[in-house]
Amino acid sequence: MKISVVIRTYTQDEAEVGRLLTTLAEQAVQPWELVVIDSGSAPPVQHRLRNLQRSGIETSAGRSIPLRLLEIPNQAYQSARALNWAIEVRAITSSSRIAEREEMSSSVMPSAKYSS
């Protein structure tokens, strides 16, 4: 089973982000990937996230969990709506429910694009 964990962050505390990602990586059922949506965190946090995107998150079992980073400005409702739609399409695509994906893409936001 492949589990993607998606979190959104807007913080000044680099240690807090590190603790969160380590805790998620060490769960009994480890995620296949971590997706972090950064909405304008402090520069040290952004730097750490970019480094983790390159290296992955090492677990105590020696596995490296990939981190995908999406950086967006901390903006209004429309950005969040488009982002939520992109995440839903990604989830449906990942689980191979093609009929639902086609239905969603034609009825919700046909012009939005998301690349994996």
Protein backbone atom coordinates (compact mmCIF):
# COMPACT_ATOMS: atom_id res chain seq x y z
CA MET A 1 0.00 0.00 0.00
CA LYS A 2 1.41 3.40 -0.98
CA ILE A 3 0.53 6.27 1.33
CA SER A 4 1.34 9.89 0.51
CA VAL A 5 1.21 12.33 3.41
CA VAL A 6 0.42 15.92 2.41
CA ILE A 7 1.06 18.77 4.84
CA ARG A 8 0.98 22.52 4.47
CA THR A 9 3.40 24.68 6.40
CA TYR A 10 3.88 28.34 7.16
CA THR A 11 6.30 28.59 10.05
CA GLN A 12 9.36 30.33 11.43
CA ASP A 13 10.50 27.30 13.44
CA GLU A 14 12.95 25.06 11.58
CA ALA A 15 13.10 22.55 14.46
CA GLU A 16 9.31 22.17 14.45
CA VAL A 17 9.32 21.16 10.77
CA GLY A 18 12.17 18.71 11.39
CA ARG A 19 10.31 17.05 14.29
CA LEU A 20 7.11 16.79 12.26
CA LEU A 21 8.80 15.17 9.25
CA THR A 22 10.79 12.76 11.43
CA THR A 23 7.66 11.74 13.33
CA LEU A 24 5.77 11.11 10.09
CA ALA A 25 8.66 9.09 8.65
CA GLU A 26 8.87 6.86 11.75
CA GLN A 27 5.22 5.77 11.85
CA ALA A 28 4.48 2.03 12.04
CA VAL A 29 3.17 2.25 8.48
CA GLN A 30 5.70 4.47 6.77
CA PRO A 31 4.54 6.83 4.04
CA TRP A 32 5.65 6.20 0.47
CA GLU A 33 6.30 9.94 0.11
CA LEU A 34 5.87 13.19 2.00
CA VAL A 35 4.47 16.18 0.13
CA VAL A 36 5.12 19.53 1.80
CA ILE A 37 3.34 22.64 0.62
CA ASP A 38 5.26 25.62 1.92
CA SER A 39 3.31 28.88 2.00
CA GLY A 40 6.13 31.30 2.68
CA SER A 41 7.94 29.94 5.74
CA ALA A 42 11.07 31.61 7.10
CA PRO A 43 14.22 31.30 4.92
CA PRO A 44 15.92 28.73 7.23
CA VAL A 45 12.82 26.51 7.01
CA GLN A 46 12.72 26.84 3.21
CA HIS A 47 16.43 25.97 3.01
CA ARG A 48 15.96 22.86 5.16
CA LEU A 49 12.97 21.71 3.11
CA ARG A 50 14.91 22.16 -0.14
CA ASN A 51 17.80 20.09 1.27
CA LEU A 52 15.38 17.34 2.33
CA GLN A 53 13.82 17.40 -1.11
CA ARG A 54 17.24 16.53 -2.58
CA SER A 55 18.23 13.93 0.02
CA GLY A 56 14.95 12.46 1.26
CA ILE A 57 14.16 11.74 4.91
CA GLU A 58 16.21 8.93 6.41
CA THR A 59 14.39 6.56 8.75
CA SER A 60 15.90 4.56 11.60
CA ALA A 61 15.41 1.46 9.41
CA GLY A 62 17.70 2.95 6.77
CA ARG A 63 14.98 3.79 4.24
CA SER A 64 14.93 7.16 2.50
CA ILE A 65 11.43 8.59 2.12
CA PRO A 66 11.15 11.06 -0.75
CA LEU A 67 9.98 14.58 0.00
CA ARG A 68 8.20 16.58 -2.67
CA LEU A 69 8.18 20.31 -2.05
CA LEU A 70 5.69 22.73 -3.52
CA GLU A 71 6.40 26.36 -2.69
CA ILE A 72 3.55 28.82 -3.13
CA PRO A 73 3.09 32.36 -1.88
CA ASN A 74 0.76 32.74 1.09
CA GLN A 75 -2.18 33.96 -0.94
CA ALA A 76 -5.90 33.98 -1.07
CA TYR A 77 -8.72 31.49 -1.36
CA GLN A 78 -8.37 30.79 -5.09
CA SER A 79 -4.80 29.50 -4.68
CA ALA A 80 -5.92 27.16 -1.93
CA ARG A 81 -8.87 25.94 -3.99
CA ALA A 82 -6.68 25.21 -7.02
CA LEU A 83 -4.13 23.48 -4.79
CA ASN A 84 -6.77 21.30 -3.14
CA TRP A 85 -8.05 20.31 -6.57
CA ALA A 86 -4.54 19.38 -7.69
CA ILE A 87 -4.05 17.21 -4.62
CA GLU A 88 -7.37 15.44 -5.20
CA VAL A 89 -6.47 14.73 -8.84
CA ARG A 90 -3.07 13.41 -7.74
CA ALA A 91 -4.72 11.11 -5.18
CA ILE A 92 -7.19 9.78 -7.72
CA THR A 93 -4.48 9.35 -10.35
CA SER A 94 -2.31 7.47 -7.86
CA SER A 95 -5.08 5.04 -7.05
CA SER A 96 -5.91 4.49 -10.76
CA ARG A 97 -9.58 5.43 -10.54
CA ILE A 98 -9.67 6.76 -14.08
CA ALA A 99 -13.43 7.18 -14.34
CA GLU A 100 -13.55 9.36 -11.24
CA ARG A 101 -10.56 11.40 -12.42
CA GLU A 102 -12.21 12.09 -15.79
CA GLU A 103 -15.46 13.04 -14.09
CA MET A 104 -13.69 15.34 -11.66
CA SER A 105 -11.50 17.04 -14.25
CA SER A 106 -14.47 17.85 -16.48
CA SER A 107 -16.73 19.13 -13.71
CA VAL A 108 -14.53 20.81 -11.09
CA MET A 109 -11.77 22.85 -12.71
CA PRO A 110 -11.08 21.82 -16.29
CA SER A 111 -8.33 24.41 -16.82
CA ALA A 112 -6.15 23.52 -13.81
CA LYS A 113 -2.97 21.57 -14.42
CA TYR A 114 -0.83 19.55 -12.05
CA SER A 115 2.36 17.74 -12.85
CA SER A 116 3.76 14.94 -10.78
